[in-house]
Amino acid sequence: MIYKVLTLNEWQSAKESGTIVTEIDQNDGFVHLSTSSQLSATLSLYFKAPSEAILLQINFNKVEKMLKLEATSPNSSRKGSFYHLYGELLIEHVSKYWLLDRGAFIVPDEILIQAEAGDSKKF
């Protein structure tokens, strides 16, 4: 499964236009997506301020031809590979969505990044 996180304003605009557009995606030239193991860090790193966000589950089969799995840049705090969509992400590509409320506990970013990387140390 792959996911996209939006602010409430971005979701409202997407519902009106049929196209999911964010400023960071426009600036970078592709649509940033996350796997389930990457979601916690994505939310913590890029959605610190909003108390709510929209989580979209994207139908992989509908966008597969536009996807590239690409490694992060060497200077990024996040390691591994992320799905980037080169093309338009449309409302019709969404298979499910949820309204996320900020929880009571916030895990430090460094722990989320370790979890995302699959901490392989045995204690």
PDB file of N, CA and C in Angstrom:
ATOM      1  N   MET A   1       0.835  -1.185   0.000  1.00  0.00           N
ATOM      2  CA  MET A   1       0.000   0.000   0.000  1.00  0.00           C
ATOM      3  C   MET A   1       0.881   1.250   0.000  1.00  0.00           C
ATOM      4  N   ILE A   2       0.419   2.266  -0.686  1.00  0.00           N
ATOM      5  CA  ILE A   2       1.106   3.551  -0.665  1.00  0.00           C
ATOM      6  C   ILE A   2       0.113   4.628  -0.245  1.00  0.00           C
ATOM      7  N   TYR A   3       0.663   5.676   0.353  1.00  0.00           N
ATOM      8  CA  TYR A   3      -0.168   6.693   0.981  1.00  0.00           C
ATOM      9  C   TYR A   3       0.324   8.093   0.649  1.00  0.00           C
ATOM     10  N   LYS A   4      -0.606   9.033   0.737  1.00  0.00           N
ATOM     11  CA  LYS A   4      -0.323  10.458   0.572  1.00  0.00           C
ATOM     12  C   LYS A   4      -1.001  11.172   1.740  1.00  0.00           C
ATOM     13  N   VAL A   5      -0.294  12.106   2.346  1.00  0.00           N
ATOM     14  CA  VAL A   5      -0.860  12.885   3.440  1.00  0.00           C
ATOM     15  C   VAL A   5      -1.084  14.309   2.951  1.00  0.00           C
ATOM     16  N   LEU A   6      -2.251  14.856   3.273  1.00  0.00           N
ATOM     17  CA  LEU A   6      -2.617  16.215   2.864  1.00  0.00           C
ATOM     18  C   LEU A   6      -3.094  17.019   4.065  1.00  0.00           C
ATOM     19  N   THR A   7      -2.978  18.328   3.949  1.00  0.00           N
ATOM     20  CA  THR A   7      -3.646  19.203   4.909  1.00  0.00           C
ATOM     21  C   THR A   7      -5.132  19.222   4.550  1.00  0.00           C
ATOM     22  N   LEU A   8      -5.944  19.728   5.455  1.00  0.00           N
ATOM     23  CA  LEU A   8      -7.378  19.825   5.166  1.00  0.00           C
ATOM     24  C   LEU A   8      -7.643  20.730   3.971  1.00  0.00           C
ATOM     25  N   ASN A   9      -6.890  21.837   3.851  1.00  0.00           N
ATOM     26  CA  ASN A   9      -7.057  22.745   2.701  1.00  0.00           C
ATOM     27  C   ASN A   9      -6.685  22.065   1.389  1.00  0.00           C
ATOM     28  N   GLU A  10      -5.604  21.302   1.392  1.00  0.00           N
ATOM     29  CA  GLU A  10      -5.196  20.585   0.179  1.00  0.00           C
ATOM     30  C   GLU A  10      -6.256  19.560  -0.224  1.00  0.00           C
ATOM     31  N   TRP A  11      -6.848  18.891   0.756  1.00  0.00           N
ATOM     32  CA  TRP A  11      -7.891  17.911   0.472  1.00  0.00           C
ATOM     33  C   TRP A  11      -9.128  18.588  -0.099  1.00  0.00           C
ATOM     34  N   GLN A  12      -9.507  19.726   0.463  1.00  0.00           N
ATOM     35  CA  GLN A  12     -10.676  20.449  -0.049  1.00  0.00           C
ATOM     36  C   GLN A  12     -10.451  20.870  -1.507  1.00  0.00           C
ATOM     37  N   SER A  13      -9.261  21.391  -1.785  1.00  0.00           N
ATOM     38  CA  SER A  13      -8.931  21.785  -3.164  1.00  0.00           C
ATOM     39  C   SER A  13      -8.959  20.585  -4.109  1.00  0.00           C
ATOM     40  N   ALA A  14      -8.453  19.453  -3.637  1.00  0.00           N
ATOM     41  CA  ALA A  14      -8.431  18.244  -4.462  1.00  0.00           C
ATOM     42  C   ALA A  14      -9.845  17.762  -4.768  1.00  0.00           C
ATOM     43  N   LYS A  15     -10.719  17.816  -3.786  1.00  0.00           N
ATOM     44  CA  LYS A  15     -12.106  17.385  -4.016  1.00  0.00           C
ATOM     45  C   LYS A  15     -12.795  18.292  -5.029  1.00  0.00           C
ATOM     46  N   GLU A  16     -12.444  19.575  -5.021  1.00  0.00           N
ATOM     47  CA  GLU A  16     -13.062  20.513  -5.965  1.00  0.00           C
ATOM     48  C   GLU A  16     -12.511  20.352  -7.376  1.00  0.00           C
ATOM     49  N   SER A  17     -11.204  20.114  -7.494  1.00  0.00           N
ATOM     50  CA  SER A  17     -10.565  20.054  -8.815  1.00  0.00           C
ATOM     51  C   SER A  17     -10.439  18.647  -9.380  1.00  0.00           C
ATOM     52  N   GLY A  18     -10.433  17.643  -8.503  1.00  0.00           N
ATOM     53  CA  GLY A  18     -10.222  16.268  -8.947  1.00  0.00           C
ATOM     54  C   GLY A  18      -8.756  15.869  -9.008  1.00  0.00           C
ATOM     55  N   THR A  19      -7.848  16.842  -8.790  1.00  0.00           N
ATOM     56  CA  THR A  19      -6.408  16.601  -8.843  1.00  0.00           C
ATOM     57  C   THR A  19      -5.780  16.932  -7.489  1.00  0.00           C
ATOM     58  N   ILE A  20      -4.911  16.056  -7.012  1.00  0.00           N
ATOM     59  CA  ILE A  20      -4.249  16.242  -5.726  1.00  0.00           C
ATOM     60  C   ILE A  20      -2.929  16.957  -5.971  1.00  0.00           C
ATOM     61  N   VAL A  21      -2.836  18.186  -5.462  1.00  0.00           N
ATOM     62  CA  VAL A  21      -1.669  19.034  -5.697  1.00  0.00           C
ATOM     63  C   VAL A  21      -1.200  19.606  -4.361  1.00  0.00           C
ATOM     64  N   THR A  22       0.109  19.507  -4.102  1.00  0.00           N
ATOM     65  CA  THR A  22       0.688  20.148  -2.923  1.00  0.00           C
ATOM     66  C   THR A  22       1.878  21.007  -3.357  1.00  0.00           C
ATOM     67  N   GLU A  23       2.213  21.963  -2.526  1.00  0.00           N
ATOM     68  CA  GLU A  23       3.318  22.867  -2.855  1.00  0.00           C
ATOM     69  C   GLU A  23       4.643  22.119  -2.960  1.00  0.00           C
ATOM     70  N   ILE A  24       4.908  21.222  -2.021  1.00  0.00           N
ATOM     71  CA  ILE A  24       6.185  20.489  -2.050  1.00  0.00           C
ATOM     72  C   ILE A  24       6.297  19.624  -3.297  1.00  0.00           C
ATOM     73  N   ASP A  25       5.180  19.016  -3.710  1.00  0.00           N
ATOM     74  CA  ASP A  25       5.203  18.192  -4.923  1.00  0.00           C
ATOM     75  C   ASP A  25       5.455  19.045  -6.162  1.00  0.00           C
ATOM     76  N   GLN A  26       4.821  20.202  -6.218  1.00  0.00           N
ATOM     77  CA  GLN A  26       5.048  21.109  -7.354  1.00  0.00           C
ATOM     78  C   GLN A  26       6.504  21.558  -7.394  1.00  0.00           C
ATOM     79  N   ASN A  27       7.067  21.894  -6.245  1.00  0.00           N
ATOM     80  CA  ASN A  27       8.466  22.355  -6.181  1.00  0.00           C
ATOM     81  C   ASN A  27       9.443  21.255  -6.584  1.00  0.00           C
ATOM     82  N   ASP A  28       9.157  20.004  -6.188  1.00  0.00           N
ATOM     83  CA  ASP A  28      10.085  18.899  -6.454  1.00  0.00           C
ATOM     84  C   ASP A  28       9.857  18.218  -7.801  1.00  0.00           C
ATOM     85  N   GLY A  29       8.725  18.458  -8.431  1.00  0.00           N
ATOM     86  CA  GLY A  29       8.470  17.888  -9.748  1.00  0.00           C
ATOM     87  C   GLY A  29       7.926  16.473  -9.738  1.00  0.00           C
ATOM     88  N   PHE A  30       7.513  15.988  -8.600  1.00  0.00           N
ATOM     89  CA  PHE A  30       6.898  14.671  -8.478  1.00  0.00           C
ATOM     90  C   PHE A  30       6.041  14.652  -7.222  1.00  0.00           C
ATOM     91  N   VAL A  31       5.191  13.639  -7.098  1.00  0.00           N
ATOM     92  CA  VAL A  31       4.314  13.496  -5.940  1.00  0.00           C
ATOM     93  C   VAL A  31       4.998  12.577  -4.930  1.00  0.00           C
ATOM     94  N   HIS A  32       5.188  13.085  -3.723  1.00  0.00           N
ATOM     95  CA  HIS A  32       5.782  12.306  -2.634  1.00  0.00           C
ATOM     96  C   HIS A  32       4.749  11.345  -2.065  1.00  0.00           C
ATOM     97  N   LEU A  33       5.126  10.073  -1.933  1.00  0.00           N
ATOM     98  CA  LEU A  33       4.256   9.057  -1.358  1.00  0.00           C
ATOM     99  C   LEU A  33       5.016   8.309  -0.269  1.00  0.00           C
ATOM    100  N   SER A  34       4.281   7.668   0.619  1.00  0.00           N
ATOM    101  CA  SER A  34       4.888   6.912   1.712  1.00  0.00           C
ATOM    102  C   SER A  34       4.289   5.519   1.779  1.00  0.00           C
ATOM    103  N   THR A  35       5.101   4.569   2.233  1.00  0.00           N
ATOM    104  CA  THR A  35       4.588   3.249   2.567  1.00  0.00           C
ATOM    105  C   THR A  35       4.085   3.307   4.005  1.00  0.00           C
ATOM    106  N   SER A  36       3.437   2.249   4.467  1.00  0.00           N
ATOM    107  CA  SER A  36       2.930   2.251   5.836  1.00  0.00           C
ATOM    108  C   SER A  36       4.047   2.392   6.858  1.00  0.00           C
ATOM    109  N   SER A  37       5.219   1.826   6.596  1.00  0.00           N
ATOM    110  CA  SER A  37       6.333   1.940   7.546  1.00  0.00           C
ATOM    111  C   SER A  37       6.959   3.335   7.539  1.00  0.00           C
ATOM    112  N   GLN A  38       6.700   4.133   6.520  1.00  0.00           N
ATOM    113  CA  GLN A  38       7.252   5.488   6.424  1.00  0.00           C
ATOM    114  C   GLN A  38       6.291   6.557   6.928  1.00  0.00           C
ATOM    115  N   LEU A  39       5.039   6.192   7.153  1.00  0.00           N
ATOM    116  CA  LEU A  39       4.011   7.186   7.481  1.00  0.00           C
ATOM    117  C   LEU A  39       4.264   7.951   8.770  1.00  0.00           C
ATOM    118  N   SER A  40       4.649   7.262   9.829  1.00  0.00           N
ATOM    119  CA  SER A  40       4.839   7.942  11.116  1.00  0.00           C
ATOM    120  C   SER A  40       5.880   9.045  11.010  1.00  0.00           C
ATOM    121  N   ALA A  41       7.001   8.759  10.360  1.00  0.00           N
ATOM    122  CA  ALA A  41       8.039   9.773  10.205  1.00  0.00           C
ATOM    123  C   ALA A  41       7.577  10.896   9.286  1.00  0.00           C
ATOM    124  N   THR A  42       6.855  10.572   8.220  1.00  0.00           N
ATOM    125  CA  THR A  42       6.331  11.601   7.320  1.00  0.00           C
ATOM    126  C   THR A  42       5.425  12.562   8.086  1.00  0.00           C
ATOM    127  N   LEU A  43       4.513  12.015   8.870  1.00  0.00           N
ATOM    128  CA  LEU A  43       3.600  12.857   9.650  1.00  0.00           C
ATOM    129  C   LEU A  43       4.353  13.719  10.653  1.00  0.00           C
ATOM    130  N   SER A  44       5.303  13.126  11.344  1.00  0.00           N
ATOM    131  CA  SER A  44       6.039  13.858  12.362  1.00  0.00           C
ATOM    132  C   SER A  44       6.934  14.951  11.766  1.00  0.00           C
ATOM    133  N   LEU A  45       7.586  14.652  10.663  1.00  0.00           N
ATOM    134  CA  LEU A  45       8.532  15.593  10.069  1.00  0.00           C
ATOM    135  C   LEU A  45       7.859  16.716   9.278  1.00  0.00           C
ATOM    136  N   TYR A  46       6.760  16.413   8.592  1.00  0.00           N
ATOM    137  CA  TYR A  46       6.189  17.384   7.658  1.00  0.00           C
ATOM    138  C   TYR A  46       4.812  17.910   8.049  1.00  0.00           C
ATOM    139  N   PHE A  47       4.240  17.375   9.116  1.00  0.00           N
ATOM    140  CA  PHE A  47       2.906  17.819   9.543  1.00  0.00           C
ATOM    141  C   PHE A  47       2.909  18.117  11.040  1.00  0.00           C
ATOM    142  N   LYS A  48       3.904  18.893  11.474  1.00  0.00           N
ATOM    143  CA  LYS A  48       4.046  19.234  12.888  1.00  0.00           C
ATOM    144  C   LYS A  48       2.952  20.174  13.381  1.00  0.00           C
ATOM    145  N   ALA A  49       2.586  21.147  12.576  1.00  0.00           N
ATOM    146  CA  ALA A  49       1.663  22.195  13.025  1.00  0.00           C
ATOM    147  C   ALA A  49       0.188  21.795  13.003  1.00  0.00           C
ATOM    148  N   PRO A  50      -0.305  21.189  11.936  1.00  0.00           N
ATOM    149  CA  PRO A  50      -1.751  20.948  11.907  1.00  0.00           C
ATOM    150  C   PRO A  50      -2.182  19.936  12.968  1.00  0.00           C
ATOM    151  N   SER A  51      -3.350  20.152  13.544  1.00  0.00           N
ATOM    152  CA  SER A  51      -3.877  19.186  14.509  1.00  0.00           C
ATOM    153  C   SER A  51      -4.620  18.063  13.789  1.00  0.00           C
ATOM    154  N   GLU A  52      -4.900  18.268  12.506  1.00  0.00           N
ATOM    155  CA  GLU A  52      -5.569  17.253  11.702  1.00  0.00           C
ATOM    156  C   GLU A  52      -4.917  17.177  10.320  1.00  0.00           C
ATOM    157  N   ALA A  53      -5.011  16.012   9.726  1.00  0.00           N
ATOM    158  CA  ALA A  53      -4.521  15.808   8.357  1.00  0.00           C
ATOM    159  C   ALA A  53      -5.399  14.744   7.709  1.00  0.00           C
ATOM    160  N   ILE A  54      -5.295  14.646   6.412  1.00  0.00           N
ATOM    161  CA  ILE A  54      -6.022  13.630   5.657  1.00  0.00           C
ATOM    162  C   ILE A  54      -5.013  12.608   5.146  1.00  0.00           C
ATOM    163  N   LEU A  55      -5.285  11.344   5.406  1.00  0.00           N
ATOM    164  CA  LEU A  55      -4.449  10.256   4.925  1.00  0.00           C
ATOM    165  C   LEU A  55      -5.177   9.570   3.773  1.00  0.00           C
ATOM    166  N   LEU A  56      -4.534   9.538   2.623  1.00  0.00           N
ATOM    167  CA  LEU A  56      -5.105   8.915   1.434  1.00  0.00           C
ATOM    168  C   LEU A  56      -4.400   7.597   1.160  1.00  0.00           C
ATOM    169  N   GLN A  57      -5.158   6.548   0.946  1.00  0.00           N
ATOM    170  CA  GLN A  57      -4.607   5.288   0.465  1.00  0.00           C
ATOM    171  C   GLN A  57      -4.738   5.307  -1.046  1.00  0.00           C
ATOM    172  N   ILE A  58      -3.628   5.127  -1.731  1.00  0.00           N
ATOM    173  CA  ILE A  58      -3.597   5.215  -3.191  1.00  0.00           C
ATOM    174  C   ILE A  58      -3.666   3.802  -3.782  1.00  0.00           C
ATOM    175  N   ASN A  59      -4.500   3.623  -4.779  1.00  0.00           N
ATOM    176  CA  ASN A  59      -4.617   2.350  -5.476  1.00  0.00           C
ATOM    177  C   ASN A  59      -3.372   2.157  -6.347  1.00  0.00           C
ATOM    178  N   PHE A  60      -2.490   1.282  -5.907  1.00  0.00           N
ATOM    179  CA  PHE A  60      -1.211   1.054  -6.568  1.00  0.00           C
ATOM    180  C   PHE A  60      -1.397   0.703  -8.043  1.00  0.00           C
ATOM    181  N   ASN A  61      -2.372  -0.141  -8.336  1.00  0.00           N
ATOM    182  CA  ASN A  61      -2.586  -0.592  -9.720  1.00  0.00           C
ATOM    183  C   ASN A  61      -2.944   0.544 -10.670  1.00  0.00           C
ATOM    184  N   LYS A  62      -3.607   1.568 -10.154  1.00  0.00           N
ATOM    185  CA  LYS A  62      -4.010   2.687 -11.006  1.00  0.00           C
ATOM    186  C   LYS A  62      -2.859   3.652 -11.311  1.00  0.00           C
ATOM    187  N   VAL A  63      -1.817   3.651 -10.483  1.00  0.00           N
ATOM    188  CA  VAL A  63      -0.725   4.612 -10.672  1.00  0.00           C
ATOM    189  C   VAL A  63       0.622   3.948 -10.953  1.00  0.00           C
ATOM    190  N   GLU A  64       0.655   2.636 -10.975  1.00  0.00           N
ATOM    191  CA  GLU A  64       1.904   1.883 -11.079  1.00  0.00           C
ATOM    192  C   GLU A  64       2.825   2.354 -12.203  1.00  0.00           C
ATOM    193  N   LYS A  65       2.260   2.658 -13.360  1.00  0.00           N
ATOM    194  CA  LYS A  65       3.083   3.060 -14.509  1.00  0.00           C
ATOM    195  C   LYS A  65       3.733   4.423 -14.326  1.00  0.00           C
ATOM    196  N   MET A  66       3.229   5.226 -13.382  1.00  0.00           N
ATOM    197  CA  MET A  66       3.791   6.563 -13.135  1.00  0.00           C
ATOM    198  C   MET A  66       4.735   6.592 -11.937  1.00  0.00           C
ATOM    199  N   LEU A  67       4.937   5.434 -11.281  1.00  0.00           N
ATOM    200  CA  LEU A  67       5.731   5.374 -10.055  1.00  0.00           C
ATOM    201  C   LEU A  67       7.186   5.031 -10.311  1.00  0.00           C
ATOM    202  N   LYS A  68       8.047   5.623  -9.481  1.00  0.00           N
ATOM    203  CA  LYS A  68       9.457   5.245  -9.422  1.00  0.00           C
ATOM    204  C   LYS A  68       9.811   5.101  -7.951  1.00  0.00           C
ATOM    205  N   LEU A  69      10.515   4.035  -7.616  1.00  0.00           N
ATOM    206  CA  LEU A  69      11.025   3.839  -6.275  1.00  0.00           C
ATOM    207  C   LEU A  69      12.436   4.395  -6.266  1.00  0.00           C
ATOM    208  N   GLU A  70      12.646   5.493  -5.529  1.00  0.00           N
ATOM    209  CA  GLU A  70      13.924   6.203  -5.592  1.00  0.00           C
ATOM    210  C   GLU A  70      14.530   6.362  -4.206  1.00  0.00           C
ATOM    211  N   ALA A  71      15.846   6.240  -4.150  1.00  0.00           N
ATOM    212  CA  ALA A  71      16.583   6.407  -2.898  1.00  0.00           C
ATOM    213  C   ALA A  71      16.591   7.874  -2.491  1.00  0.00           C
ATOM    214  N   THR A  72      16.668   8.097  -1.194  1.00  0.00           N
ATOM    215  CA  THR A  72      16.768   9.464  -0.691  1.00  0.00           C
ATOM    216  C   THR A  72      18.142  10.026  -1.041  1.00  0.00           C
ATOM    217  N   SER A  73      18.241  11.338  -1.018  1.00  0.00           N
ATOM    218  CA  SER A  73      19.533  11.976  -1.291  1.00  0.00           C
ATOM    219  C   SER A  73      20.477  11.721  -0.112  1.00  0.00           C
ATOM    220  N   PRO A  74      21.775  11.709  -0.365  1.00  0.00           N
ATOM    221  CA  PRO A  74      22.741  11.410   0.695  1.00  0.00           C
ATOM    222  C   PRO A  74      22.672  12.366   1.895  1.00  0.00           C
ATOM    223  N   ASN A  75      22.229  13.607   1.683  1.00  0.00           N
ATOM    224  CA  ASN A  75      22.181  14.580   2.779  1.00  0.00           C
ATOM    225  C   ASN A  75      20.845  14.555   3.534  1.00  0.00           C
ATOM    226  N   SER A  76      19.949  13.651   3.182  1.00  0.00           N
ATOM    227  CA  SER A  76      18.656  13.547   3.849  1.00  0.00           C
ATOM    228  C   SER A  76      18.796  12.800   5.169  1.00  0.00           C
ATOM    229  N   SER A  77      18.014  13.220   6.164  1.00  0.00           N
ATOM    230  CA  SER A  77      18.010  12.494   7.439  1.00  0.00           C
ATOM    231  C   SER A  77      17.302  11.153   7.287  1.00  0.00           C
ATOM    232  N   ARG A  78      16.449  11.046   6.303  1.00  0.00           N
ATOM    233  CA  ARG A  78      15.721   9.794   6.047  1.00  0.00           C
ATOM    234  C   ARG A  78      16.517   8.944   5.067  1.00  0.00           C
ATOM    235  N   LYS A  79      16.546   7.669   5.330  1.00  0.00           N
ATOM    236  CA  LYS A  79      17.284   6.731   4.477  1.00  0.00           C
ATOM    237  C   LYS A  79      16.305   5.763   3.841  1.00  0.00           C
ATOM    238  N   GLY A  80      16.740   5.136   2.795  1.00  0.00           N
ATOM    239  CA  GLY A  80      15.892   4.161   2.131  1.00  0.00           C
ATOM    240  C   GLY A  80      15.336   4.697   0.836  1.00  0.00           C
ATOM    241  N   SER A  81      14.309   4.034   0.350  1.00  0.00           N
ATOM    242  CA  SER A  81      13.692   4.395  -0.926  1.00  0.00           C
ATOM    243  C   SER A  81      12.239   4.774  -0.713  1.00  0.00           C
ATOM    244  N   PHE A  82      11.794   5.726  -1.514  1.00  0.00           N
ATOM    245  CA  PHE A  82      10.430   6.232  -1.433  1.00  0.00           C
ATOM    246  C   PHE A  82       9.803   6.191  -2.819  1.00  0.00           C
ATOM    247  N   TYR A  83       8.495   5.961  -2.846  1.00  0.00           N
ATOM    248  CA  TYR A  83       7.780   6.031  -4.110  1.00  0.00           C
ATOM    249  C   TYR A  83       7.522   7.485  -4.475  1.00  0.00           C
ATOM    250  N   HIS A  84       7.852   7.818  -5.713  1.00  0.00           N
ATOM    251  CA  HIS A  84       7.564   9.132  -6.284  1.00  0.00           C
ATOM    252  C   HIS A  84       6.707   8.915  -7.516  1.00  0.00           C
ATOM    253  N   LEU A  85       5.659   9.689  -7.621  1.00  0.00           N
ATOM    254  CA  LEU A  85       4.756   9.580  -8.752  1.00  0.00           C
ATOM    255  C   LEU A  85       5.049  10.723  -9.716  1.00  0.00           C
ATOM    256  N   TYR A  86       5.360  10.367 -10.955  1.00  0.00           N
ATOM    257  CA  TYR A  86       5.633  11.359 -11.989  1.00  0.00           C
ATOM    258  C   TYR A  86       4.414  11.426 -12.898  1.00  0.00           C
ATOM    259  N   GLY A  87       3.569  12.389 -12.634  1.00  0.00           N
ATOM    260  CA  GLY A  87       2.319  12.566 -13.341  1.00  0.00           C
ATOM    261  C   GLY A  87       1.304  13.156 -12.382  1.00  0.00           C
ATOM    262  N   GLU A  88       0.054  13.162 -12.791  1.00  0.00           N
ATOM    263  CA  GLU A  88      -0.995  13.728 -11.938  1.00  0.00           C
ATOM    264  C   GLU A  88      -1.574  12.654 -11.024  1.00  0.00           C
ATOM    265  N   LEU A  89      -1.689  13.003  -9.755  1.00  0.00           N
ATOM    266  CA  LEU A  89      -2.395  12.156  -8.808  1.00  0.00           C
ATOM    267  C   LEU A  89      -3.827  12.661  -8.742  1.00  0.00           C
ATOM    268  N   LEU A  90      -4.766  11.790  -9.091  1.00  0.00           N
ATOM    269  CA  LEU A  90      -6.164  12.182  -9.191  1.00  0.00           C
ATOM    270  C   LEU A  90      -6.981  11.589  -8.045  1.00  0.00           C
ATOM    271  N   ILE A  91      -8.091  12.229  -7.750  1.00  0.00           N
ATOM    272  CA  ILE A  91      -9.013  11.722  -6.730  1.00  0.00           C
ATOM    273  C   ILE A  91      -9.416  10.280  -7.057  1.00  0.00           C
ATOM    274  N   GLU A  92      -9.562   9.976  -8.326  1.00  0.00           N
ATOM    275  CA  GLU A  92      -9.977   8.622  -8.721  1.00  0.00           C
ATOM    276  C   GLU A  92      -8.924   7.564  -8.400  1.00  0.00           C
ATOM    277  N   HIS A  93      -7.702   7.978  -8.078  1.00  0.00           N
ATOM    278  CA  HIS A  93      -6.641   7.044  -7.680  1.00  0.00           C
ATOM    279  C   HIS A  93      -6.723   6.681  -6.196  1.00  0.00           C
ATOM    280  N   VAL A  94      -7.560   7.387  -5.446  1.00  0.00           N
ATOM    281  CA  VAL A  94      -7.691   7.170  -4.000  1.00  0.00           C
ATOM    282  C   VAL A  94      -8.672   6.031  -3.761  1.00  0.00           C
ATOM    283  N   SER A  95      -8.221   5.014  -3.017  1.00  0.00           N
ATOM    284  CA  SER A  95      -9.111   3.895  -2.715  1.00  0.00           C
ATOM    285  C   SER A  95      -9.787   4.049  -1.359  1.00  0.00           C
ATOM    286  N   LYS A  96      -9.171   4.827  -0.462  1.00  0.00           N
ATOM    287  CA  LYS A  96      -9.725   5.033   0.874  1.00  0.00           C
ATOM    288  C   LYS A  96      -9.055   6.262   1.479  1.00  0.00           C
ATOM    289  N   TYR A  97      -9.756   6.922   2.404  1.00  0.00           N
ATOM    290  CA  TYR A  97      -9.124   8.044   3.101  1.00  0.00           C
ATOM    291  C   TYR A  97      -9.623   8.131   4.529  1.00  0.00           C
ATOM    292  N   TRP A  98      -8.801   8.758   5.374  1.00  0.00           N
ATOM    293  CA  TRP A  98      -9.098   8.911   6.789  1.00  0.00           C
ATOM    294  C   TRP A  98      -8.750  10.324   7.245  1.00  0.00           C
ATOM    295  N   LEU A  99      -9.501  10.831   8.190  1.00  0.00           N
ATOM    296  CA  LEU A  99      -9.161  12.066   8.888  1.00  0.00           C
ATOM    297  C   LEU A  99      -8.317  11.661  10.086  1.00  0.00           C
ATOM    298  N   LEU A 100      -7.109  12.204  10.170  1.00  0.00           N
ATOM    299  CA  LEU A 100      -6.215  11.898  11.286  1.00  0.00           C
ATOM    300  C   LEU A 100      -6.222  13.049  12.280  1.00  0.00           C
ATOM    301  N   ASP A 101      -6.423  12.722  13.539  1.00  0.00           N
ATOM    302  CA  ASP A 101      -6.302  13.684  14.632  1.00  0.00           C
ATOM    303  C   ASP A 101      -4.955  13.477  15.296  1.00  0.00           C
ATOM    304  N   ARG A 102      -4.311  14.568  15.686  1.00  0.00           N
ATOM    305  CA  ARG A 102      -3.033  14.446  16.382  1.00  0.00           C
ATOM    306  C   ARG A 102      -3.273  13.739  17.711  1.00  0.00           C
ATOM    307  N   GLY A 103      -2.468  12.744  17.999  1.00  0.00           N
ATOM    308  CA  GLY A 103      -2.603  11.971  19.228  1.00  0.00           C
ATOM    309  C   GLY A 103      -1.987  12.668  20.425  1.00  0.00           C
ATOM    310  N   ALA A 104      -2.145  12.060  21.550  1.00  0.00           N
ATOM    311  CA  ALA A 104      -1.653  12.623  22.803  1.00  0.00           C
ATOM    312  C   ALA A 104      -0.153  12.417  22.981  1.00  0.00           C
ATOM    313  N   PHE A 105       0.416  11.379  22.374  1.00  0.00           N
ATOM    314  CA  PHE A 105       1.835  11.094  22.518  1.00  0.00           C
ATOM    315  C   PHE A 105       2.555  11.376  21.204  1.00  0.00           C
ATOM    316  N   ILE A 106       3.685  12.032  21.310  1.00  0.00           N
ATOM    317  CA  ILE A 106       4.489  12.330  20.120  1.00  0.00           C
ATOM    318  C   ILE A 106       5.841  11.652  20.288  1.00  0.00           C
ATOM    319  N   VAL A 107       6.152  10.727  19.412  1.00  0.00           N
ATOM    320  CA  VAL A 107       7.418  10.010  19.449  1.00  0.00           C
ATOM    321  C   VAL A 107       8.487  10.886  18.800  1.00  0.00           C
ATOM    322  N   PRO A 108       9.699  10.980  19.387  1.00  0.00           N
ATOM    323  CA  PRO A 108      10.763  11.800  18.790  1.00  0.00           C
ATOM    324  C   PRO A 108      11.082  11.366  17.354  1.00  0.00           C
ATOM    325  N   ASP A 109      11.384  12.348  16.513  1.00  0.00           N
ATOM    326  CA  ASP A 109      11.669  12.086  15.099  1.00  0.00           C
ATOM    327  C   ASP A 109      12.772  11.054  14.906  1.00  0.00           C
ATOM    328  N   GLU A 110      13.822  11.127  15.712  1.00  0.00           N
ATOM    329  CA  GLU A 110      14.947  10.207  15.518  1.00  0.00           C
ATOM    330  C   GLU A 110      14.522   8.748  15.721  1.00  0.00           C
ATOM    331  N   ILE A 111      13.583   8.499  16.610  1.00  0.00           N
ATOM    332  CA  ILE A 111      13.086   7.138  16.829  1.00  0.00           C
ATOM    333  C   ILE A 111      12.227   6.699  15.652  1.00  0.00           C
ATOM    334  N   LEU A 112      11.415   7.614  15.126  1.00  0.00           N
ATOM    335  CA  LEU A 112      10.597   7.289  13.962  1.00  0.00           C
ATOM    336  C   LEU A 112      11.465   6.957  12.753  1.00  0.00           C
ATOM    337  N   ILE A 113      12.551   7.693  12.579  1.00  0.00           N
ATOM    338  CA  ILE A 113      13.464   7.440  11.460  1.00  0.00           C
ATOM    339  C   ILE A 113      14.148   6.089  11.629  1.00  0.00           C
ATOM    340  N   GLN A 114      14.527   5.752  12.877  1.00  0.00           N
ATOM    341  CA  GLN A 114      15.110   4.425  13.138  1.00  0.00           C
ATOM    342  C   GLN A 114      14.104   3.325  12.795  1.00  0.00           C
ATOM    343  N   ALA A 115      12.852   3.508  13.203  1.00  0.00           N
ATOM    344  CA  ALA A 115      11.816   2.512  12.926  1.00  0.00           C
ATOM    345  C   ALA A 115      11.589   2.369  11.430  1.00  0.00           C
ATOM    346  N   GLU A 116      11.607   3.492  10.741  1.00  0.00           N
ATOM    347  CA  GLU A 116      11.406   3.492   9.293  1.00  0.00           C
ATOM    348  C   GLU A 116      12.513   2.704   8.596  1.00  0.00           C
ATOM    349  N   ALA A 117      13.731   2.826   9.110  1.00  0.00           N
ATOM    350  CA  ALA A 117      14.876   2.150   8.508  1.00  0.00           C
ATOM    351  C   ALA A 117      14.923   0.678   8.874  1.00  0.00           C
ATOM    352  N   GLY A 118      14.078   0.273   9.821  1.00  0.00           N
ATOM    353  CA  GLY A 118      14.061  -1.127  10.221  1.00  0.00           C
ATOM    354  C   GLY A 118      15.240  -1.448  11.116  1.00  0.00           C
ATOM    355  N   ASP A 119      15.258  -0.870  12.299  1.00  0.00           N
ATOM    356  CA  ASP A 119      16.329  -1.071  13.261  1.00  0.00           C
ATOM    357  C   ASP A 119      16.620  -2.569  13.394  1.00  0.00           C
ATOM    358  N   SER A 120      17.803  -2.978  12.969  1.00  0.00           N
ATOM    359  CA  SER A 120      18.130  -4.404  12.930  1.00  0.00           C
ATOM    360  C   SER A 120      18.942  -4.877  14.126  1.00  0.00           C
ATOM    361  N   LYS A 121      19.226  -3.988  15.064  1.00  0.00           N
ATOM    362  CA  LYS A 121      20.005  -4.378  16.238  1.00  0.00           C
ATOM    363  C   LYS A 121      19.146  -5.231  17.158  1.00  0.00           C
ATOM    364  N   LYS A 122      19.775  -6.230  17.716  1.00  0.00           N
ATOM    365  CA  LYS A 122      19.094  -7.087  18.696  1.00  0.00           C
ATOM    366  C   LYS A 122      19.617  -6.726  20.075  1.00  0.00           C
ATOM    367  N   PHE A 123      18.713  -6.593  20.991  1.00  0.00           N
ATOM    368  CA  PHE A 123      19.105  -6.189  22.344  1.00  0.00           C
ATOM    369  C   PHE A 123      19.014  -7.339  23.299  1.00  0.00           C
TER     370      PHE A 123
END
